[in-house]
Amino acid sequence: MTASVLTRGDVPVLIGGQWLAQDGGAFTDVHNPSTGETIALTPICGAGIVDQAVEAAKRAFVSWSNTPAPARADVMFKYRSLLSAHFDELAKLVTRENGKTLDEARGDVKRGMEVVELSCGIAHLLKGEIVPQIAQEIDGLTTREPIGVCAGITPFNFPAMVPMWMYPLAIACGNTFILKPSEKVPLTALRLAELFLEAGLPEGVLNVVHGGREVVDAICTHPDIAAVSFVGSSGVAQHVYTLGCQHGKRVQAAGGAKNVLVVMADADPDPTLRAIMGSAYGCAGQRCMAGSLLVGVGEAADGLQRRVVEAIDALKVGNTSDDPSAQMGPVIDEAARDRVRKYIDTGLGEGATLARDGRALTNQRGFFVGPTLLDNANPDMKIAREEIFGPVLTMLRPKSLEEAIEWANRSGYGNGATIFTSSGRCARDFARGVQCGMIGVNIGVPAPMAVFSFSGWNRSFYGDLHVQGTEGVMFYTRQKLVLSRWDKGYQRQFGW
């Protein structure tokens, strides 16, 4: 790693452009999940750190909000260049503290950079509308203006991408920002912030704090924070949304999911299998867009199960820090490993059968669960309804596409659903019938590029405006309408 604030051996906060160590309080371990070793300690700060960050952000907002949009874009272009120059460093840092394979970590960084690239066009994205002569001698125009101090609370599973879903667009719109990354993966966020300062971002425009629920609640209730963005579990998403709205904030809170992969008998076998394996076991299943329910419709089921089992047997699980050939890494920590194993136990207790058992992987030093396939489940089982957030695929066997759609809609989540088929009719019926925000047709992970919004539905999202895309710009700005009248009567009155 190049010389940076991270070489000091602590995990500091960033307040008003200053890196400040937090001594004397509680800390939590940051692990390398592949080995289980502690690589850093994150301070668990209190509400006071939020007050400090807000004061710095308020001071910076005065000048930053009045900085011309092209000048803000110029900083974003410089930031994009630095991210590109440090791309490999950032990817290795993601792998070290999260456990992704290096290819997955590169994807994490790259998808975040797409939002920075979107933000480089902020002058275009902020254009308003005008209607001359909307009434007699009256012209109407709208502008979009920044809303103030914004905050983001991000999870462990995408240390680079999810923070960059939030702060680049918010800052490009003219706001200032407070980022609270997951205490489990703070190092990537700190390096991203450090590079942003190097790009010329003024002090106080981006601030970074650490902590647990006390800091989250302080963000949601602080009177000088205008908007809160959140990504995490559905339970916490609902809490952040409810608490933030009660205190007058606009909130976008993305939660969990139970995404389905529906396979018809006419699906192309090889690309379908590759997509299923990447969706279910990529990032060790720790994605809100991970395929979790494998739905083999009718006669497709037996052959599908056999092919997935063969692919699981060929999948190499290993230490992603040391072994570049590893195809799947660990889960984030010991608690996650134990939770996933417990879900497998639960599935067996409910009557599902084990086609492959990830609990048998015991020769690894880190926090590993092997790829698991639970077969012969039904949609009322706990393993079919709840988010497991690990490398566990639960297989259902409906008799028809209509039954598959009905089962898919039972979970109450609404992030993603994919169908694998050669039939345009089946694809259309599926896309119209499934109640979720992101649909894939022969695509394992239908996560949108940055120009589109990440549009979860139901229990997968609390709020009105989603992250990324046009909705992201709308979330971080508010509209002003100007009606003006300069008719001849005014000209005569003032002697013009």
Protein backbone atom coordinates (compact mmCIF):
# COMPACT_ATOMS: atom_id res chain seq x y z
CA MET A 1 0.00 0.00 0.00
CA THR A 2 1.28 3.47 -0.77
CA ALA A 3 1.99 5.83 2.10
CA SER A 4 -1.23 7.06 3.60
CA VAL A 5 -2.96 7.75 6.86
CA LEU A 6 -3.50 3.98 7.19
CA THR A 7 0.21 3.39 7.82
CA ARG A 8 -0.16 4.97 11.27
CA GLY A 9 -1.64 1.75 12.60
CA ASP A 10 -4.90 3.24 13.89
CA VAL A 11 -8.32 3.87 12.34
CA PRO A 12 -8.84 7.63 12.60
CA VAL A 13 -11.86 9.79 11.93
CA LEU A 14 -11.82 12.57 9.36
CA ILE A 15 -13.24 15.85 10.64
CA GLY A 16 -12.85 19.13 8.76
CA GLY A 17 -9.97 17.79 6.71
CA GLN A 18 -8.05 16.57 9.77
CA TRP A 19 -7.28 12.93 10.59
CA LEU A 20 -7.88 12.44 14.29
CA ALA A 21 -7.05 9.33 16.32
CA GLN A 22 -9.63 8.28 18.90
CA ASP A 23 -7.94 7.13 22.11
CA GLY A 24 -9.27 5.75 25.35
CA GLY A 25 -12.64 4.42 24.25
CA ALA A 26 -14.02 1.12 23.02
CA PHE A 27 -12.73 -0.54 19.86
CA THR A 28 -13.81 -3.42 17.63
CA ASP A 29 -11.56 -5.74 15.64
CA VAL A 30 -11.09 -5.45 11.90
CA HIS A 31 -10.24 -8.92 10.60
CA ASN A 32 -8.69 -10.42 7.55
CA PRO A 33 -11.54 -12.91 7.08
CA SER A 34 -9.33 -15.36 5.19
CA THR A 35 -7.02 -15.85 8.16
CA GLY A 36 -9.02 -14.62 11.15
CA GLU A 37 -6.19 -12.30 12.20
CA THR A 38 -6.90 -8.81 13.55
CA ILE A 39 -5.46 -6.19 11.18
CA ALA A 40 -6.82 -2.98 12.77
CA LEU A 41 -9.03 -1.63 15.54
CA THR A 42 -12.03 0.57 14.77
CA PRO A 43 -12.98 3.10 17.46
CA ILE A 44 -16.60 2.89 18.59
CA CYS A 45 -17.28 6.58 18.94
CA GLY A 46 -20.24 8.26 20.60
CA ALA A 47 -22.75 10.86 19.50
CA GLY A 48 -20.26 13.64 20.13
CA ILE A 49 -18.25 12.70 17.05
CA VAL A 50 -21.35 13.28 14.92
CA ASP A 51 -21.69 16.78 16.39
CA GLN A 52 -18.09 17.55 15.43
CA ALA A 53 -18.55 16.22 11.91
CA VAL A 54 -21.78 18.16 11.40
CA GLU A 55 -20.19 21.42 12.50
CA ALA A 56 -17.33 20.91 10.03
CA ALA A 57 -19.76 20.00 7.26
CA LYS A 58 -21.98 23.02 7.96
CA ARG A 59 -19.01 25.37 7.70
CA ALA A 60 -17.90 23.82 4.44
CA PHE A 61 -21.40 23.88 2.94
CA VAL A 62 -21.47 27.68 2.75
CA SER A 63 -18.75 27.88 0.12
CA TRP A 64 -19.06 24.45 -1.48
CA SER A 65 -22.76 24.87 -2.29
CA ASN A 66 -21.90 28.12 -4.08
CA THR A 67 -19.04 26.60 -6.05
CA PRO A 68 -20.03 26.43 -9.73
CA ALA A 69 -21.10 22.98 -10.88
CA PRO A 70 -18.30 22.77 -13.50
CA ALA A 71 -15.74 23.50 -10.78
CA ARG A 72 -17.21 20.74 -8.60
CA ALA A 73 -17.07 18.45 -11.63
CA ASP A 74 -13.40 19.30 -12.09
CA VAL A 75 -12.68 17.89 -8.62
CA MET A 76 -14.67 14.78 -9.52
CA PHE A 77 -12.60 14.30 -12.70
CA LYS A 78 -9.40 14.53 -10.67
CA TYR A 79 -10.81 12.09 -8.15
CA ARG A 80 -11.72 9.65 -10.92
CA SER A 81 -8.14 9.83 -12.20
CA LEU A 82 -6.69 9.11 -8.76
CA LEU A 83 -9.05 6.19 -8.21
CA SER A 84 -7.91 4.74 -11.51
CA ALA A 85 -4.24 5.22 -10.61
CA HIS A 86 -4.78 3.45 -7.25
CA PHE A 87 -7.21 0.85 -8.57
CA ASP A 88 -5.12 -2.23 -7.76
CA GLU A 89 -4.22 -0.89 -4.32
CA LEU A 90 -7.88 -0.33 -3.50
CA ALA A 91 -8.89 -3.77 -4.74
CA LYS A 92 -6.24 -5.45 -2.59
CA LEU A 93 -7.42 -3.45 0.40
CA VAL A 94 -11.00 -4.64 -0.19
CA THR A 95 -9.80 -8.24 -0.36
CA ARG A 96 -7.75 -7.85 2.81
CA GLU A 97 -10.54 -6.53 5.04
CA ASN A 98 -13.57 -8.12 3.37
CA GLY A 99 -12.37 -11.47 2.00
CA LYS A 100 -13.57 -11.10 -1.59
CA THR A 101 -11.53 -12.67 -4.35
CA LEU A 102 -9.36 -10.14 -6.15
CA ASP A 103 -11.63 -10.20 -9.20
CA GLU A 104 -14.66 -9.54 -6.99
CA ALA A 105 -12.79 -6.72 -5.24
CA ARG A 106 -11.95 -5.15 -8.58
CA GLY A 107 -15.63 -5.27 -9.44
CA ASP A 108 -16.45 -3.62 -6.11
CA VAL A 109 -14.12 -0.70 -6.86
CA LYS A 110 -15.12 -0.44 -10.51
CA ARG A 111 -18.86 -0.26 -9.82
CA GLY A 112 -18.23 2.49 -7.27
CA MET A 113 -16.14 4.41 -9.77
CA GLU A 114 -19.08 4.38 -12.16
CA VAL A 115 -20.93 6.70 -9.78
CA VAL A 116 -17.92 9.03 -9.71
CA GLU A 117 -18.01 9.02 -13.50
CA LEU A 118 -21.73 9.84 -13.40
CA SER A 119 -20.98 12.68 -11.00
CA CYS A 120 -18.48 14.17 -13.44
CA GLY A 121 -21.49 15.16 -15.55
CA ILE A 122 -23.19 16.97 -12.71
CA ALA A 123 -23.63 20.24 -14.63
CA HIS A 124 -25.83 18.39 -17.10
CA LEU A 125 -27.66 16.40 -14.41
CA LEU A 126 -28.60 19.58 -12.52
CA LYS A 127 -30.22 21.31 -15.47
CA GLY A 128 -33.71 22.56 -14.70
CA GLU A 129 -36.69 23.21 -16.94
CA ILE A 130 -38.19 26.37 -18.40
CA VAL A 131 -41.52 27.21 -19.96
CA PRO A 132 -41.67 30.74 -21.35
CA GLN A 133 -45.09 32.37 -21.41
CA ILE A 134 -46.54 29.79 -19.01
CA ALA A 135 -49.17 32.49 -18.40
CA GLN A 136 -49.68 35.91 -19.90
CA GLU A 137 -46.29 37.71 -19.71
CA ILE A 138 -45.07 35.13 -17.12
CA ASP A 139 -42.13 32.75 -17.56
CA GLY A 140 -41.57 29.68 -15.38
CA LEU A 141 -38.30 27.95 -14.66
CA THR A 142 -37.01 25.39 -12.19
CA THR A 143 -33.60 24.80 -10.65
CA ARG A 144 -32.22 21.98 -8.51
CA GLU A 145 -30.28 23.09 -5.46
CA PRO A 146 -28.30 21.24 -2.74
CA ILE A 147 -30.06 20.41 0.51
CA GLY A 148 -27.26 20.76 3.08
CA VAL A 149 -25.39 18.24 5.23
CA CYS A 150 -26.03 14.65 4.15
CA ALA A 151 -24.94 11.39 5.76
CA GLY A 152 -24.37 7.81 4.65
CA ILE A 153 -24.34 4.59 6.70
CA THR A 154 -22.79 1.71 4.76
CA PRO A 155 -22.41 -2.09 5.23
CA PHE A 156 -19.43 -4.43 5.22
CA ASN A 157 -20.15 -6.33 2.02
CA PHE A 158 -19.06 -3.66 -0.49
CA PRO A 159 -16.40 -1.49 1.20
CA ALA A 160 -15.83 0.60 -1.94
CA MET A 161 -18.98 0.47 -4.06
CA VAL A 162 -21.68 1.27 -1.52
CA PRO A 163 -19.96 4.35 -0.01
CA MET A 164 -19.40 5.56 -3.57
CA TRP A 165 -23.09 5.02 -4.30
CA MET A 166 -23.63 7.94 -1.93
CA TYR A 167 -21.02 10.59 -1.28
CA PRO A 168 -19.74 11.38 -4.82
CA LEU A 169 -23.19 12.25 -6.15
CA ALA A 170 -24.22 14.09 -2.98
CA ILE A 171 -21.03 16.16 -3.02
CA ALA A 172 -21.19 16.83 -6.76
CA CYS A 173 -24.70 18.21 -6.19
CA GLY A 174 -23.20 20.80 -3.81
CA ASN A 175 -23.86 19.14 -0.46
CA THR A 176 -21.39 18.21 2.25
CA PHE A 177 -21.25 14.67 3.60
CA ILE A 178 -20.65 12.52 6.68
CA LEU A 179 -19.80 8.89 5.98
CA LYS A 180 -20.11 6.16 8.60
CA PRO A 181 -18.66 2.98 7.09
CA SER A 182 -19.13 -0.42 8.66
CA GLU A 183 -16.82 -0.81 11.63
CA LYS A 184 -15.86 -4.19 10.13
CA VAL A 185 -14.35 -2.66 6.96
CA PRO A 186 -13.24 0.93 7.62
CA LEU A 187 -9.90 0.87 5.81
CA THR A 188 -11.16 1.12 2.23
CA ALA A 189 -13.44 4.04 3.12
CA LEU A 190 -10.55 5.92 4.71
CA ARG A 191 -8.37 5.45 1.65
CA LEU A 192 -11.19 6.60 -0.63
CA ALA A 193 -11.59 9.74 1.49
CA GLU A 194 -7.85 10.37 1.50
CA LEU A 195 -7.71 10.23 -2.29
CA PHE A 196 -10.67 12.62 -2.51
CA LEU A 197 -8.78 15.18 -0.42
CA GLU A 198 -5.77 14.68 -2.68
CA ALA A 199 -8.02 15.50 -5.65
CA GLY A 200 -8.62 18.95 -4.18
CA LEU A 201 -11.82 18.48 -2.21
CA PRO A 202 -12.04 21.33 0.34
CA GLU A 203 -11.76 20.53 4.03
CA GLY A 204 -15.02 19.56 5.69
CA VAL A 205 -16.88 18.63 2.51
CA LEU A 206 -16.36 14.93 3.28
CA ASN A 207 -16.07 13.69 6.86
CA VAL A 208 -15.71 10.10 8.13
CA VAL A 209 -16.87 8.84 11.54
CA HIS A 210 -17.00 5.41 13.15
CA GLY A 211 -19.30 3.74 15.64
CA GLY A 212 -22.28 1.54 16.29
CA ARG A 213 -25.94 2.19 17.05
CA GLU A 214 -25.29 5.33 19.10
CA VAL A 215 -23.64 6.99 16.11
CA VAL A 216 -26.33 5.73 13.72
CA ASP A 217 -29.08 7.13 15.93
CA ALA A 218 -27.21 10.41 16.33
CA ILE A 219 -27.06 10.74 12.55
CA CYS A 220 -30.78 9.98 12.22
CA THR A 221 -31.79 12.53 14.86
CA HIS A 222 -29.29 15.37 14.39
CA PRO A 223 -31.25 18.54 13.55
CA ASP A 224 -28.62 19.79 11.07
CA ILE A 225 -28.46 16.67 8.90
CA ALA A 226 -30.87 17.00 5.99
CA ALA A 227 -30.73 13.52 4.44
CA VAL A 228 -29.60 10.02 5.35
CA SER A 229 -28.66 7.22 2.97
CA PHE A 230 -28.43 3.66 4.29
CA VAL A 231 -27.65 0.17 2.97
CA GLY A 232 -27.87 -2.90 5.21
CA SER A 233 -30.33 -5.39 6.61
CA SER A 234 -34.07 -4.76 6.28
CA GLY A 235 -34.55 -4.52 10.04
CA VAL A 236 -31.99 -1.75 10.41
CA ALA A 237 -33.17 -0.10 7.19
CA GLN A 238 -36.66 0.20 8.64
CA HIS A 239 -35.23 1.61 11.89
CA VAL A 240 -33.13 4.22 10.06
CA TYR A 241 -36.04 5.18 7.83
CA THR A 242 -38.51 5.49 10.71
CA LEU A 243 -36.18 7.39 13.02
CA GLY A 244 -34.87 9.69 10.30
CA CYS A 245 -38.33 10.56 9.02
CA GLN A 246 -39.56 11.22 12.56
CA HIS A 247 -36.83 13.86 12.76
CA GLY A 248 -37.71 15.55 9.50
CA LYS A 249 -35.11 14.03 7.19
CA ARG A 250 -35.39 12.59 3.76
CA VAL A 251 -34.21 8.98 3.91
CA GLN A 252 -33.29 6.30 1.39
CA ALA A 253 -32.75 2.97 3.16
CA ALA A 254 -31.94 -0.13 1.13
CA GLY A 255 -32.48 -3.42 2.96
CA GLY A 256 -32.13 -7.15 2.42
CA ALA A 257 -33.44 -9.51 -0.21
CA LYS A 258 -34.44 -13.04 -1.15
CA ASN A 259 -33.64 -13.10 -4.86
CA VAL A 260 -34.89 -15.88 -7.12
CA LEU A 261 -33.22 -17.61 -10.04
CA VAL A 262 -35.95 -19.27 -12.11
CA VAL A 263 -34.77 -21.84 -14.65
CA MET A 264 -37.06 -23.08 -17.42
CA ALA A 265 -36.51 -26.33 -19.32
CA ASP A 266 -35.54 -24.40 -22.48
CA ALA A 267 -32.74 -22.42 -20.77
CA ASP A 268 -29.28 -22.59 -22.39
CA PRO A 269 -27.45 -24.90 -19.93
CA ASP A 270 -23.86 -23.63 -19.88
CA PRO A 271 -24.38 -19.84 -19.58
CA THR A 272 -27.23 -20.49 -17.16
CA LEU A 273 -24.97 -22.53 -14.89
CA ARG A 274 -22.22 -19.92 -14.97
CA ALA A 275 -24.71 -17.20 -14.07
CA ILE A 276 -26.20 -19.22 -11.21
CA MET A 277 -22.81 -20.00 -9.68
CA GLY A 278 -21.67 -16.39 -9.89
CA SER A 279 -24.94 -15.09 -8.47
CA ALA A 280 -25.24 -17.55 -5.57
CA TYR A 281 -21.62 -17.98 -4.53
CA GLY A 282 -19.92 -14.81 -5.75
CA CYS A 283 -18.73 -12.71 -2.78
CA ALA A 284 -19.57 -15.79 -0.66
CA GLY A 285 -23.24 -14.95 -1.10
CA GLN A 286 -22.85 -11.70 0.86
CA ARG A 287 -24.72 -9.45 -1.58
CA CYS A 288 -28.19 -8.00 -1.51
CA MET A 289 -28.42 -9.08 -5.16
CA ALA A 290 -27.16 -12.64 -4.59
CA GLY A 291 -29.26 -15.43 -5.99
CA SER A 292 -30.71 -17.21 -2.97
CA LEU A 293 -33.63 -19.30 -4.27
CA LEU A 294 -32.94 -21.65 -7.18
CA VAL A 295 -36.27 -22.43 -8.83
CA GLY A 296 -36.18 -25.35 -11.24
CA VAL A 297 -39.50 -25.36 -13.07
CA GLY A 298 -41.01 -28.73 -13.96
CA GLU A 299 -38.71 -31.05 -15.87
CA ALA A 300 -35.80 -28.58 -15.61
CA ALA A 301 -35.23 -29.37 -11.91
CA ASP A 302 -33.38 -32.71 -11.92
CA GLY A 303 -30.79 -31.79 -14.54
CA LEU A 304 -30.33 -28.36 -13.01
CA GLN A 305 -29.62 -29.81 -9.57
CA ARG A 306 -27.08 -32.24 -11.00
CA ARG A 307 -25.18 -29.52 -12.88
CA VAL A 308 -25.07 -27.19 -9.88
CA VAL A 309 -23.73 -30.00 -7.65
CA GLU A 310 -20.98 -30.73 -10.18
CA ALA A 311 -20.06 -27.04 -10.33
CA ILE A 312 -19.96 -26.78 -6.53
CA ASP A 313 -17.57 -29.73 -6.40
CA ALA A 314 -15.27 -27.94 -8.86
CA LEU A 315 -15.39 -24.59 -7.04
CA LYS A 316 -12.15 -23.71 -5.26
CA VAL A 317 -12.67 -22.07 -1.85
CA GLY A 318 -9.59 -20.54 -0.28
CA ASN A 319 -7.57 -17.72 1.25
CA THR A 320 -8.22 -14.81 -1.09
CA SER A 321 -5.31 -12.83 0.35
CA ASP A 322 -2.68 -15.41 -0.65
CA ASP A 323 -4.22 -17.61 -3.33
CA PRO A 324 -5.15 -15.83 -6.59
CA SER A 325 -6.74 -19.02 -7.88
CA ALA A 326 -9.40 -19.03 -5.12
CA GLN A 327 -12.86 -18.74 -6.65
CA MET A 328 -14.75 -18.11 -3.40
CA GLY A 329 -13.58 -16.61 -0.14
CA PRO A 330 -14.78 -16.47 3.47
CA VAL A 331 -17.72 -14.76 5.09
CA ILE A 332 -16.96 -11.60 7.01
CA ASP A 333 -16.47 -12.91 10.57
CA GLU A 334 -17.09 -15.70 13.05
CA ALA A 335 -20.61 -14.55 13.87
CA ALA A 336 -21.56 -14.63 10.19
CA ARG A 337 -20.08 -18.09 9.78
CA ASP A 338 -22.05 -19.40 12.76
CA ARG A 339 -25.27 -17.77 11.57
CA VAL A 340 -24.99 -19.36 8.12
CA ARG A 341 -24.29 -22.78 9.60
CA LYS A 342 -27.32 -22.40 11.84
CA TYR A 343 -29.52 -21.69 8.81
CA ILE A 344 -28.30 -24.91 7.20
CA ASP A 345 -29.24 -26.77 10.38
CA THR A 346 -32.64 -25.07 10.29
CA GLY A 347 -33.23 -26.09 6.69
CA LEU A 348 -32.55 -29.73 7.50
CA GLY A 349 -34.87 -29.52 10.48
CA GLU A 350 -37.61 -28.13 8.21
CA GLY A 351 -37.33 -31.11 5.87
CA ALA A 352 -35.02 -29.89 3.11
CA THR A 353 -32.32 -32.24 1.84
CA LEU A 354 -28.63 -31.50 1.53
CA ALA A 355 -27.23 -31.83 -1.96
CA ARG A 356 -23.97 -30.23 -0.82
CA ASP A 357 -23.01 -29.24 2.74
CA GLY A 358 -20.75 -26.22 3.31
CA ARG A 359 -20.44 -26.97 7.01
CA ALA A 360 -17.99 -29.73 6.14
CA LEU A 361 -15.32 -27.16 5.21
CA THR A 362 -13.13 -27.28 8.32
CA ASN A 363 -9.56 -27.03 7.06
CA GLN A 364 -9.44 -23.24 6.78
CA ARG A 365 -8.08 -20.83 9.38
CA GLY A 366 -10.48 -18.02 8.56
CA PHE A 367 -14.25 -17.61 8.57
CA PHE A 368 -15.25 -20.11 5.90
CA VAL A 369 -18.50 -21.77 4.95
CA GLY A 370 -18.42 -23.88 1.81
CA PRO A 371 -20.94 -23.53 -1.03
CA THR A 372 -24.17 -25.21 0.05
CA LEU A 373 -27.19 -26.48 -1.87
CA LEU A 374 -30.40 -27.32 0.03
CA ASP A 375 -32.89 -29.15 -2.17
CA ASN A 376 -36.59 -30.06 -1.98
CA ALA A 377 -37.53 -26.96 -0.02
CA ASN A 378 -40.94 -25.33 -0.09
CA PRO A 379 -41.73 -21.60 -0.07
CA ASP A 380 -43.03 -21.63 3.52
CA MET A 381 -39.74 -22.81 5.02
CA LYS A 382 -37.61 -20.32 6.94
CA ILE A 383 -34.68 -20.94 4.58
CA ALA A 384 -36.92 -19.91 1.67
CA ARG A 385 -38.29 -16.77 3.34
CA GLU A 386 -35.40 -15.21 5.28
CA GLU A 387 -32.21 -13.64 4.03
CA ILE A 388 -29.27 -15.95 4.90
CA PHE A 389 -26.53 -13.69 3.48
CA GLY A 390 -24.04 -16.45 2.82
CA PRO A 391 -23.14 -19.12 0.24
CA VAL A 392 -26.37 -21.10 0.63
CA LEU A 393 -28.66 -21.80 -2.30
CA THR A 394 -32.14 -23.17 -1.56
CA MET A 395 -33.82 -25.12 -4.35
CA LEU A 396 -37.56 -25.14 -5.02
CA ARG A 397 -39.35 -27.29 -7.59
CA PRO A 398 -42.61 -25.70 -8.80
CA LYS A 399 -44.62 -27.41 -11.53
CA SER A 400 -45.18 -24.30 -13.67
CA LEU A 401 -43.95 -20.76 -14.28
CA GLU A 402 -47.17 -19.42 -12.75
CA GLU A 403 -46.48 -21.33 -9.55
CA ALA A 404 -42.83 -20.15 -9.59
CA ILE A 405 -43.95 -16.52 -9.80
CA GLU A 406 -46.43 -17.01 -6.96
CA TRP A 407 -43.71 -18.57 -4.78
CA ALA A 408 -41.23 -15.82 -5.67
CA ASN A 409 -43.67 -13.17 -4.48
CA ARG A 410 -44.22 -14.73 -1.05
CA SER A 411 -41.03 -13.49 0.63
CA GLY A 412 -42.06 -9.85 0.88
CA TYR A 413 -38.66 -8.67 -0.34
CA GLY A 414 -38.29 -6.97 -3.69
CA ASN A 415 -34.73 -6.54 -4.93
CA GLY A 416 -33.97 -8.90 -7.81
CA ALA A 417 -35.35 -11.83 -9.76
CA THR A 418 -33.99 -13.58 -12.84
CA ILE A 419 -35.44 -16.02 -15.34
CA PHE A 420 -33.36 -18.24 -17.61
CA THR A 421 -35.30 -19.15 -20.73
CA SER A 422 -35.31 -19.11 -24.52
CA SER A 423 -38.97 -18.09 -24.56
CA GLY A 424 -39.86 -14.44 -24.99
CA ARG A 425 -43.35 -15.19 -23.71
CA CYS A 426 -42.02 -16.70 -20.47
CA ALA A 427 -39.62 -13.79 -20.02
CA ARG A 428 -42.43 -11.26 -20.49
CA ASP A 429 -44.81 -13.04 -18.12
CA PHE A 430 -42.07 -13.29 -15.51
CA ALA A 431 -41.01 -9.64 -15.80
CA ARG A 432 -44.60 -8.47 -15.44
CA GLY A 433 -45.59 -10.91 -12.70
CA VAL A 434 -42.71 -10.79 -10.21
CA GLN A 435 -43.05 -8.05 -7.59
CA CYS A 436 -39.53 -6.63 -7.39
CA GLY A 437 -37.58 -3.69 -8.73
CA MET A 438 -34.79 -5.34 -10.75
CA ILE A 439 -35.48 -8.13 -13.24
CA GLY A 440 -32.92 -10.22 -15.08
CA VAL A 441 -33.51 -12.21 -18.25
CA ASN A 442 -30.65 -14.69 -18.63
CA ILE A 443 -28.57 -12.49 -16.30
CA GLY A 444 -27.52 -13.81 -12.89
CA VAL A 445 -27.19 -10.48 -11.07
CA PRO A 446 -29.49 -7.78 -12.52
CA ALA A 447 -27.79 -4.94 -10.65
CA PRO A 448 -27.98 -1.68 -12.64
CA MET A 449 -25.16 0.45 -13.93
CA ALA A 450 -24.82 3.87 -12.28
CA VAL A 451 -26.94 5.67 -14.87
CA PHE A 452 -29.94 3.69 -13.58
CA SER A 453 -31.22 3.73 -10.01
CA PHE A 454 -30.88 0.69 -7.75
CA SER A 455 -34.60 0.16 -7.45
CA GLY A 456 -35.53 -2.26 -4.68
CA TRP A 457 -39.19 -2.68 -3.72
CA ASN A 458 -41.20 -3.80 -0.68
CA ARG A 459 -39.07 -4.81 2.35
CA SER A 460 -35.93 -4.33 0.30
CA PHE A 461 -36.28 -0.54 0.34
CA TYR A 462 -37.71 2.14 2.61
CA GLY A 463 -38.10 5.55 1.05
CA ASP A 464 -39.13 7.16 -2.23
CA LEU A 465 -35.95 7.96 -4.16
CA HIS A 466 -33.29 5.28 -4.70
CA VAL A 467 -29.50 5.49 -4.92
CA GLN A 468 -27.68 6.20 -8.20
CA GLY A 469 -29.02 7.59 -11.44
CA THR A 470 -31.61 10.32 -11.80
CA GLU A 471 -33.30 9.41 -8.52
CA GLY A 472 -30.00 9.88 -6.70
CA VAL A 473 -29.67 13.42 -8.05
CA MET A 474 -33.25 14.16 -7.04
CA PHE A 475 -32.65 12.78 -3.54
CA TYR A 476 -29.64 15.04 -2.92
CA THR A 477 -31.29 18.18 -4.33
CA ARG A 478 -34.54 20.08 -4.00
CA GLN A 479 -36.41 21.93 -6.69
CA LYS A 480 -36.95 25.66 -6.76
CA LEU A 481 -39.56 27.21 -9.04
CA VAL A 482 -39.19 30.80 -10.24
CA LEU A 483 -42.15 32.58 -11.87
CA SER A 484 -41.19 35.95 -13.36
CA ARG A 485 -43.21 38.70 -14.96
CA TRP A 486 -41.71 41.62 -16.90
CA ASP A 487 -44.58 43.04 -18.92
CA LYS A 488 -45.06 46.50 -20.36
CA GLY A 489 -46.82 47.75 -17.24
CA TYR A 490 -43.58 47.36 -15.28
CA GLN A 491 -41.69 49.11 -18.05
CA ARG A 492 -43.98 52.16 -17.89
CA GLN A 493 -43.95 52.21 -14.06
CA PHE A 494 -40.17 52.37 -13.90
CA GLY A 495 -39.70 54.60 -16.96
CA TRP A 496 -38.03 51.94 -19.14
